[in-house]
Protein backbone atom coordinates (compact mmCIF):
# COMPACT_ATOMS: atom_id res chain seq x y z
CA MET A 1 109.21 185.62 188.41
CA ILE A 2 108.90 182.90 191.03
CA SER A 3 112.53 183.37 191.98
CA LEU A 4 112.12 187.13 192.35
CA GLY A 5 108.99 186.73 194.41
CA SER A 6 110.69 184.22 196.67
CA SER A 7 113.63 186.58 197.13
CA GLY A 8 111.32 189.46 198.00
CA ASN A 9 109.47 187.35 200.56
CA ASN A 10 112.77 186.34 202.18
CA SER A 11 113.84 189.97 202.33
CA ASP A 12 110.58 191.00 203.97
CA ALA A 13 110.84 188.17 206.48
CA LEU A 14 114.39 189.19 207.34
CA HIS A 15 113.29 192.81 207.76
CA VAL A 16 110.44 191.76 210.08
CA THR A 17 112.81 189.59 212.09
CA ILE A 18 115.31 192.43 212.50
CA LEU A 19 112.54 194.84 213.48
CA THR A 20 111.24 192.37 216.04
CA CYS A 21 114.72 191.98 217.56
CA CYS A 22 115.20 195.75 217.60
CA TYR A 23 111.94 196.37 219.43
CA LEU A 24 112.74 193.59 221.89
CA LEU A 25 116.10 195.24 222.57
CA ILE A 26 114.38 198.62 222.99
CA GLY A 27 112.08 196.95 225.51
CA GLY A 28 115.08 195.51 227.34
CA TRP A 29 116.72 198.94 227.30
CA ALA A 30 113.58 200.45 228.87
CA LEU A 31 113.59 197.65 231.45
CA LEU A 32 117.17 198.48 232.45
CA ALA A 33 116.20 202.14 232.84
CA THR A 34 113.29 201.05 235.03
CA PHE A 35 115.65 198.96 237.18
CA HIS A 36 117.85 202.02 237.69
CA ILE A 37 114.89 204.18 238.75
CA LEU A 38 113.36 201.53 241.03
CA GLY A 39 116.72 200.69 242.63
CA ILE A 40 117.45 204.33 243.43
CA ALA A 41 113.89 204.99 244.63
CA TYR A 42 113.77 201.91 246.87
CA GLY A 43 117.26 202.62 248.19
CA LEU A 44 116.20 206.17 249.11
CA TYR A 45 113.13 204.81 250.85
CA LYS A 46 114.78 201.88 252.63
CA PHE A 47 118.41 202.56 253.49
CA HIS A 48 119.65 204.13 256.72
CA ARG A 49 116.26 204.78 258.28
CA LYS A 50 116.55 205.25 262.03
CA PRO A 51 114.03 203.08 263.93
CA SER A 52 112.50 204.17 267.21
CA HIS A 53 113.75 202.37 270.34
CA SER A 54 110.64 203.07 272.40
CA ASN A 55 109.73 199.39 272.88
CA LEU A 56 113.24 197.99 273.23
CA LYS A 57 112.41 195.80 276.26
CA GLU A 58 109.60 194.05 274.39
CA MET A 59 111.83 192.76 271.59
CA PRO A 60 112.22 188.95 271.31
CA GLY A 61 115.51 187.23 271.98
CA VAL A 62 117.93 186.49 269.12
CA SER A 63 120.52 183.71 268.80
CA ILE A 64 123.43 184.92 266.66
CA ILE A 65 125.27 182.07 264.94
CA LYS A 66 128.80 182.97 263.82
CA PRO A 67 130.42 180.27 261.64
CA LEU A 68 134.17 180.90 261.71
CA THR A 69 136.98 179.51 259.62
CA GLY A 70 140.45 181.03 259.63
CA ILE A 71 141.74 184.37 260.89
CA ASP A 72 142.33 187.71 259.24
CA ALA A 73 143.60 191.05 260.48
CA ASN A 74 140.10 192.45 261.17
CA LEU A 75 138.52 189.42 262.82
CA TYR A 76 138.95 190.61 266.42
CA GLU A 77 137.44 194.05 265.76
CA ASN A 78 134.64 192.55 263.67
CA LEU A 79 133.63 190.09 266.40
CA LYS A 80 133.92 192.80 269.03
CA THR A 81 131.09 194.76 267.42
CA PHE A 82 128.69 191.88 268.13
CA PHE A 83 129.35 192.20 271.86
CA ASN A 84 128.32 195.86 271.77
CA LEU A 85 124.90 195.61 270.15
CA GLN A 86 122.17 197.80 271.61
CA TYR A 87 119.67 195.00 272.07
CA PRO A 88 118.16 193.62 275.29
CA ARG A 89 118.34 189.84 274.79
CA TYR A 90 120.70 187.98 272.52
CA GLU A 91 123.33 185.26 272.60
CA ILE A 92 126.35 184.69 270.39
CA LEU A 93 127.11 181.12 269.31
CA PHE A 94 130.58 180.83 267.79
CA CYS A 95 131.24 177.82 265.56
CA VAL A 96 134.82 176.81 264.78
CA GLN A 97 134.86 173.81 262.48
CA GLU A 98 138.43 172.70 263.29
CA HIS A 99 140.51 173.25 266.38
CA ASP A 100 142.50 176.47 265.94
CA ASN A 101 144.35 177.73 269.02
CA GLU A 102 144.76 181.28 267.76
CA LEU A 103 141.11 181.61 266.70
CA ILE A 104 139.87 180.13 269.96
CA ASP A 105 142.10 182.52 271.89
CA ILE A 106 140.58 185.53 270.08
CA ILE A 107 137.07 184.39 270.93
CA GLU A 108 137.93 183.62 274.54
CA ARG A 109 139.51 187.04 275.03
CA LEU A 110 136.30 188.65 273.85
CA ARG A 111 134.15 186.44 276.06
CA GLU A 112 136.23 187.37 279.07
CA GLN A 113 136.08 191.05 278.13
CA TYR A 114 132.26 190.96 277.86
CA PRO A 115 131.11 188.47 280.52
CA ARG A 116 127.55 189.82 280.61
CA VAL A 117 126.89 188.90 276.97
CA ASP A 118 125.66 185.31 276.68
CA SER A 119 128.04 183.40 274.44
CA GLN A 120 129.19 179.86 273.70
CA LEU A 121 131.95 178.43 271.57
CA PHE A 122 131.54 175.18 269.63
CA VAL A 123 134.73 173.61 268.31
CA GLY A 124 134.08 170.84 265.81
CA SER A 125 130.75 169.91 264.29
CA GLN A 126 130.18 166.61 266.07
CA LYS A 127 129.17 167.70 269.56
CA PHE A 128 125.80 166.04 269.47
CA LEU A 129 126.24 163.47 266.72
CA SER A 130 128.51 160.46 266.53
CA GLY A 131 128.56 156.95 265.13
CA ASP A 132 125.25 155.45 264.03
CA LYS A 133 123.33 158.48 265.22
CA LEU A 134 125.40 160.60 262.86
CA SER A 135 124.36 158.69 259.75
CA LYS A 136 120.74 158.33 260.86
CA ASN A 137 120.44 162.09 261.16
CA GLY A 138 121.86 162.59 257.68
CA THR A 139 124.86 164.61 258.76
CA MET A 140 127.21 162.42 256.74
CA ASP A 141 125.40 163.58 253.58
CA ILE A 142 125.90 167.30 254.26
CA LYS A 143 128.14 168.84 251.60
CA ASN A 144 127.87 172.50 252.59
CA PRO A 145 130.66 173.21 255.12
CA LYS A 146 128.92 176.29 256.49
CA ILE A 147 125.78 174.32 257.34
CA TYR A 148 127.93 171.52 258.74
CA ASN A 149 129.74 173.97 260.98
CA MET A 150 126.58 175.61 262.33
CA LEU A 151 124.65 172.47 263.32
CA PRO A 152 125.68 172.31 267.01
CA ALA A 153 124.96 176.00 267.56
CA TYR A 154 121.59 175.74 265.82
CA GLU A 155 120.61 172.83 268.08
CA LYS A 156 121.53 174.87 271.17
CA ALA A 157 119.94 178.16 270.11
CA GLN A 158 117.49 179.21 272.82
CA TYR A 159 115.65 182.10 271.15
CA PRO A 160 112.86 182.15 268.50
CA PHE A 161 114.93 184.19 266.03
CA ILE A 162 118.33 183.16 264.70
CA LEU A 163 120.75 185.49 262.97
CA ILE A 164 123.24 183.76 260.68
CA SER A 165 126.17 186.15 260.34
CA ASP A 166 129.35 185.50 258.38
CA SER A 167 132.76 185.92 259.99
CA GLY A 168 133.87 188.82 257.78
CA LEU A 169 131.11 191.17 258.92
CA MET A 170 131.14 193.98 261.44
CA MET A 171 127.82 195.26 262.79
CA HIS A 172 126.71 198.69 263.95
CA GLU A 173 125.22 198.76 267.43
CA ASN A 174 121.67 199.45 266.24
CA THR A 175 121.61 197.01 263.32
CA LEU A 176 120.17 194.03 265.18
CA TYR A 177 117.32 196.15 266.50
CA ASP A 178 116.68 197.41 262.98
CA MET A 179 116.50 193.85 261.63
CA VAL A 180 114.16 192.63 264.37
CA ALA A 181 111.95 195.71 263.89
CA CYS A 182 111.49 194.60 260.27
CA MET A 183 110.31 191.19 261.48
CA THR A 184 106.61 192.00 261.63
CA ASP A 185 103.89 189.39 262.12
CA ASN A 186 103.86 188.33 258.45
CA VAL A 187 107.65 188.38 257.89
CA GLY A 188 109.73 185.24 258.25
CA LEU A 189 113.18 186.38 257.09
CA VAL A 190 115.03 189.71 257.16
CA HIS A 191 118.28 190.00 255.22
CA GLN A 192 120.94 192.64 254.81
CA MET A 193 122.06 193.70 251.37
CA PRO A 194 125.82 193.02 251.04
CA PHE A 195 127.97 196.15 251.12
CA THR A 196 131.46 196.96 252.42
CA CYS A 197 133.11 199.06 255.10
CA ASP A 198 135.42 201.89 254.11
CA ARG A 199 138.72 200.11 253.46
CA LYS A 200 142.04 201.39 252.22
CA GLY A 201 143.46 200.59 248.81
CA PHE A 202 142.13 200.36 245.29
CA ALA A 203 140.76 196.83 245.82
CA GLY A 204 138.54 198.16 248.60
CA SER A 205 137.26 200.86 246.24
CA VAL A 206 136.45 198.33 243.49
CA GLU A 207 134.50 196.16 245.93
CA LYS A 208 132.58 199.13 247.31
CA VAL A 209 131.74 200.34 243.81
CA TYR A 210 130.47 196.91 242.78
CA PHE A 211 128.35 196.27 245.88
CA GLY A 212 127.06 199.85 245.90
CA THR A 213 126.15 200.14 242.21
CA GLN A 214 125.38 197.15 240.00
CA HIS A 215 124.77 194.77 242.89
CA ALA A 216 122.75 197.26 244.94
CA ARG A 217 120.61 198.25 241.95
CA MET A 218 119.68 194.68 241.05
CA TYR A 219 119.36 193.49 244.66
CA MET A 220 116.98 196.25 245.70
CA THR A 221 114.88 196.17 242.54
CA ILE A 222 114.47 192.39 242.53
CA ASN A 223 113.49 192.40 246.20
CA LEU A 224 111.06 195.26 245.60
CA ILE A 225 109.16 193.27 242.98
CA GLY A 226 109.06 190.21 245.25
CA ILE A 227 111.59 187.83 243.70
CA ASN A 228 113.76 185.72 246.00
CA CYS A 229 117.16 187.40 245.98
CA VAL A 230 118.61 186.68 249.43
CA THR A 231 122.31 186.65 250.25
CA GLY A 232 122.94 184.61 253.36
CA MET A 233 125.86 186.51 254.86
CA SER A 234 123.48 188.20 257.33
CA CYS A 235 119.98 186.74 257.68
CA LEU A 236 117.52 186.94 260.56
CA ILE A 237 115.16 183.95 260.41
CA ARG A 238 112.23 182.63 262.42
CA LYS A 239 113.62 179.40 263.82
CA GLU A 240 110.23 177.71 263.59
CA CYS A 241 110.38 177.96 259.78
CA ILE A 242 113.60 175.97 259.69
CA ASP A 243 112.48 173.51 262.38
CA ARG A 244 109.46 172.54 260.30
CA VAL A 245 111.67 170.99 257.62
CA GLY A 246 114.10 169.28 259.98
CA GLY A 247 116.53 172.10 260.84
CA LEU A 248 119.54 173.42 258.96
CA ARG A 249 120.64 169.97 257.82
CA ALA A 250 117.71 170.00 255.36
CA PHE A 251 119.69 172.53 253.29
CA GLY A 252 123.08 170.84 253.55
CA HIS A 253 123.04 169.42 250.02
CA TYR A 254 123.25 172.85 248.41
CA ILE A 255 126.07 175.37 248.15
CA ALA A 256 123.50 178.18 247.74
CA GLU A 257 121.82 177.33 251.03
CA ASP A 258 120.69 180.94 251.50
CA TYR A 259 118.48 180.80 248.39
CA TYR A 260 116.79 177.58 249.50
CA ILE A 261 116.28 178.75 253.08
CA ALA A 262 114.57 181.90 251.78
CA ASP A 263 112.57 179.84 249.29
CA GLU A 264 111.33 177.55 252.06
CA VAL A 265 110.35 180.50 254.27
CA ALA A 266 108.39 182.01 251.36
CA LYS A 267 106.68 178.68 250.62
CA GLN A 268 105.39 178.64 254.19
CA GLY A 269 103.60 181.92 253.50
CA TRP A 270 106.03 184.34 255.15
CA LYS A 271 107.32 187.54 253.60
CA LEU A 272 111.02 188.34 252.97
CA ARG A 273 112.28 191.82 253.86
CA VAL A 274 115.48 193.82 253.34
CA ALA A 275 116.94 195.52 256.41
CA SER A 276 117.53 199.27 256.25
CA THR A 277 121.22 198.87 257.10
CA PRO A 278 123.42 197.14 254.49
CA ALA A 279 125.75 194.38 255.68
CA GLN A 280 129.24 195.75 256.38
CA GLN A 281 131.80 193.36 254.93
CA ASN A 282 135.15 194.03 256.57
CA SER A 283 137.47 191.15 255.75
CA GLY A 284 141.12 191.88 256.48
CA GLU A 285 142.24 190.10 253.33
CA TYR A 286 140.99 191.50 250.04
CA SER A 287 142.28 192.12 246.53
CA VAL A 288 140.90 192.63 243.04
CA SER A 289 141.80 189.05 242.07
CA THR A 290 140.06 187.68 245.19
CA TRP A 291 136.97 189.70 244.36
CA ILE A 292 136.99 188.43 240.75
CA ASP A 293 137.26 184.81 241.90
CA ARG A 294 134.34 185.38 244.24
CA MET A 295 132.24 186.92 241.47
CA ILE A 296 132.97 183.96 239.19
CA ARG A 297 131.76 181.60 241.91
CA TRP A 298 128.60 183.64 242.46
CA CYS A 299 127.92 183.69 238.71
CA LYS A 300 128.28 179.90 238.50
CA LEU A 301 125.75 179.55 241.31
CA ARG A 302 123.27 181.87 239.57
CA MET A 303 123.67 179.88 236.34
CA ARG A 304 122.45 176.78 238.15
CA LEU A 305 119.59 178.58 239.85
CA SER A 306 118.14 180.28 236.77
CA PRO A 307 118.80 180.18 232.99
CA LEU A 308 118.29 183.97 232.96
CA ALA A 309 121.83 184.25 234.32
CA TYR A 310 123.09 183.61 230.78
CA LEU A 311 121.51 186.91 229.72
CA GLU A 312 123.36 188.93 232.35
CA PRO A 313 126.11 190.18 230.00
CA LEU A 314 123.42 192.05 228.03
CA GLN A 315 122.44 194.12 231.09
CA GLU A 316 125.91 195.55 231.62
CA CYS A 317 126.55 199.21 230.80
CA PHE A 318 128.85 198.87 227.79
CA SER A 319 127.09 195.94 226.11
CA SER A 320 123.70 197.64 226.42
CA ALA A 321 125.24 200.93 225.17
CA ILE A 322 126.52 199.22 222.00
CA LEU A 323 123.17 197.54 221.39
CA ALA A 324 121.32 200.80 222.02
CA GLY A 325 123.49 202.62 219.49
CA ILE A 326 123.00 199.94 216.81
CA VAL A 327 119.26 199.65 217.33
CA THR A 328 118.50 203.39 217.35
CA ASN A 329 120.66 203.85 214.27
CA TYR A 330 118.74 201.14 212.42
CA LEU A 331 115.29 202.33 213.52
CA PHE A 332 115.70 206.10 213.67
CA GLU A 333 119.05 206.72 211.95
CA TRP A 334 120.43 208.33 215.11
CA ASN A 335 124.19 208.61 215.50
CA ALA A 336 125.19 205.33 217.18
CA LEU A 337 128.28 206.80 218.89
CA VAL A 338 126.35 209.70 220.37
CA VAL A 339 123.61 207.39 221.67
CA ALA A 340 126.16 205.00 223.20
CA ALA A 341 128.10 207.87 224.80
CA CYS A 342 124.96 209.42 226.30
CA HIS A 343 123.91 205.99 227.55
CA ILE A 344 127.25 205.44 229.32
CA LEU A 345 127.26 208.93 230.83
CA ILE A 346 123.73 208.64 232.23
CA TRP A 347 124.49 205.14 233.54
CA PHE A 348 127.65 206.43 235.22
CA ILE A 349 125.76 209.26 236.96
CA LEU A 350 122.96 206.95 238.13
CA ASP A 351 125.51 204.47 239.50
CA TYR A 352 127.20 207.26 241.43
CA LEU A 353 123.84 208.27 242.93
CA MET A 354 123.11 204.63 243.82
CA LEU A 355 126.46 204.34 245.59
CA ARG A 356 125.92 207.54 247.58
CA ILE A 357 122.49 206.33 248.66
CA THR A 358 123.86 202.94 249.73
CA GLN A 359 126.79 204.55 251.55
CA GLY A 360 124.53 206.93 253.46
CA GLY A 361 127.32 209.48 253.75
CA PRO A 362 130.48 210.75 252.07
CA LEU A 363 132.48 208.28 250.02
CA PRO A 364 135.99 207.34 251.18
CA PHE A 365 137.48 208.15 247.77
CA SER A 366 137.42 210.93 245.18
CA LYS A 367 135.17 211.09 242.13
CA PHE A 368 138.19 210.34 239.95
CA GLU A 369 138.96 207.17 241.89
CA PHE A 370 135.29 206.24 241.66
CA ALA A 371 135.47 206.61 237.88
CA ILE A 372 138.55 204.37 237.63
CA ALA A 373 137.07 201.74 239.97
CA TRP A 374 133.80 201.89 238.05
CA LEU A 375 135.57 201.26 234.74
CA VAL A 376 137.50 198.35 236.24
CA ARG A 377 134.27 196.88 237.54
CA GLU A 378 132.46 197.31 234.23
CA PHE A 379 135.16 195.83 232.01
CA SER A 380 136.06 192.99 234.41
CA SER A 381 132.43 191.84 234.33
CA PHE A 382 132.92 190.41 230.82
CA TYR A 383 135.95 188.41 231.97
CA ILE A 384 133.88 187.14 234.92
CA TYR A 385 131.04 186.02 232.65
CA PHE A 386 133.45 184.38 230.24
CA LYS A 387 135.18 182.39 232.97
CA ALA A 388 131.87 181.39 234.56
CA PHE A 389 130.22 180.37 231.28
CA THR A 390 133.18 178.51 229.80
CA GLY A 391 134.88 177.19 232.93
CA SER A 392 134.31 173.93 234.73
CA SER A 393 131.36 173.30 237.02
CA THR A 394 133.60 173.28 240.09
CA VAL A 395 133.88 176.06 242.65
CA LYS A 396 136.30 176.63 245.49
CA TRP A 397 134.76 177.69 248.78
CA ARG A 398 136.03 177.65 252.35
CA GLY A 399 139.21 175.87 251.35
CA LYS A 400 137.45 173.03 249.53
CA GLU A 401 136.52 172.28 245.93
CA TYR A 402 133.00 171.32 244.92
CA ARG A 403 131.37 170.18 241.70
CA LEU A 404 128.00 171.84 241.17
CA GLY A 405 124.98 169.93 239.99
CA SER A 406 121.54 171.28 239.18
CA GLY A 407 120.23 173.84 241.64
CA THR A 408 123.74 174.22 243.18
CA ARG A 409 123.50 170.70 244.58
CA ALA A 410 127.02 169.53 245.40
CA GLU A 411 127.71 166.23 243.64
CA ASP A 412 130.34 163.50 243.80
CA LEU A 413 132.12 164.87 246.82
CA SER A 414 133.86 162.79 249.43
CA PRO A 415 132.33 163.15 252.89
CA LEU A 416 133.66 165.83 255.19
CA PRO A 417 136.41 164.35 257.39
CA LEU A 418 135.28 163.39 260.86
CA PRO A 419 137.44 164.02 263.92
CA PRO A 420 138.69 161.03 265.95
CA PRO A 421 136.16 159.76 268.51
CA ALA A 422 136.41 161.82 271.67
CA PRO A 423 134.30 162.60 274.71
CA SER A 424 132.53 165.91 274.91
CA LEU A 425 134.34 168.37 277.14
CA LEU A 426 132.98 171.19 279.21
CA VAL A 427 135.70 173.81 279.47
CA GLU A 428 135.20 176.46 282.10
CA SER A 429 136.62 179.90 281.60
CA PRO A 430 138.55 181.62 284.42
CA SER A 431 135.55 183.77 285.30
CA SER A 432 133.59 180.65 286.26
CA SER A 433 135.71 180.21 289.38
CA SER A 434 134.00 183.22 290.84
CA SER A 435 130.58 182.51 289.32
CA SER A 436 129.23 181.31 292.65
CA SER A 437 129.05 184.89 293.77
CA SER A 438 125.45 186.00 294.02
CA SER A 439 126.28 189.32 292.44
CA LEU A 440 126.76 187.77 288.99
CA SER A 441 123.78 187.89 286.66
CA SER A 442 122.26 184.87 284.97
CA SER A 443 123.80 185.96 281.67
CA SER A 444 127.32 185.82 283.05
CA LEU A 445 126.60 182.32 284.37
CA SER A 446 125.53 181.33 280.89
CA ASN A 447 128.74 182.74 279.51
CA SER A 448 130.97 180.76 281.85
CA THR A 449 130.72 177.48 279.95
CA LEU A 450 132.46 176.60 276.71
CA PRO A 451 131.31 173.45 274.86
CA VAL A 452 134.21 171.93 272.90
CA THR A 453 134.76 168.72 270.99
CA GLY A 454 137.92 167.34 269.52
CA SER A 455 140.66 164.82 270.11
CA HIS A 456 142.59 167.02 272.51
CA LEU A 457 143.05 170.50 273.87
CA SER A 458 146.30 172.28 273.30
CA SER A 459 148.60 172.93 276.22
CA SER A 460 148.36 176.68 275.73
CA SER A 461 144.58 176.49 275.99
CA SER A 462 144.58 174.16 278.97
CA THR A 463 146.82 176.49 280.97
CA LYS A 464 144.17 179.18 280.77
CA GLN A 465 141.15 176.95 281.42
CA SER A 466 140.27 174.04 283.63
CA SER A 467 138.22 171.24 282.13
CA GLN A 468 136.17 168.29 283.24
CA LEU A 469 134.44 165.43 281.48
CA VAL A 470 130.67 165.49 281.21
């Protein structure tokens, strides 16, 4: 009798436990549906709204910082779009971490082509810091190469707003105005949701499907409910917020510097806002394998920012479909296959709607190609999670390998190599020879100087420009 009673109690406890898990999964299922609805609704409300340009002359100045490393086939056209922005006052500060003749030549050609756009080029990250001053300022401890590269430009930025913009982006002519228009009195940071340009090939389709469906849905919903979900590829920031904590170098210990910059801005009482125009990634080098490697790195970063990242596999379409089928079969004796199939079909349709909203126009591929790219994205997600969860704590970024500590802090890394000691050089572009003419505007005078550091200038560069020590 005691044995039977004990067995019955165990059976009841097991049944209660299973029921509890089932209802929790039903709640999670409802939460995913809510995310779909909120993402679509917020995307419809936010994306591709056309702001009025009635007060264009009253807009504050913006310093655009472009950290550059390496060259791809689209770099020239991408950078060119930043010289054609419909905005009254801005400057472009190019940062090249290591001396690269071909990259410098591309930038100089653009500067000569658009002399009325204020621009400067910083080659090397040690323009203002050297020797003892370098270590006193903490630059030797900076692990993040992007932060390291941007320091000279940040120090020289003359406007109250800074736009940090990655090298692989192109920008529509009205985007900067749109971002500044979002910077109301209580907003401290405006960020663009990552998306992609229309690019040829199946890899371009897979990337567009990912950034326009799963990523867009989560990004927009999380930002709508007020959680910090900022991607730093295109961020407009009040410079005063960063100055209060010692400038960009304060975030140099972290690989996920964008998260911590946004977190600091929010701690100071400012709001974070999403721009109405998604960021247009347009790298000239892309493939499915490159995208997968990038997603693994992003997943590793999220794992160190929040333990909730370990639950991400459960919010994918096929895993949630399987769970939904099992749970509804147990609770209501519904056909598990039918439930799972309906779940996948509805998810597929909602993702297509999300992509069309994010695109803001016709898609560059057929519905059939969308379906294939969508399936590739969905099934590859499990490989991405597996590699991120079971792989090492190291990530490769900007040609270097880093070991991640807690909070994406980079640990046990050798210091970034410093260039040989050299004097700072002021290199004048050819247009500066005629800058004494009174007809030139003040902006063209500003554009005639090129700050450069490094051990030497190449002969090909020196034939185009005259230089003098300062």
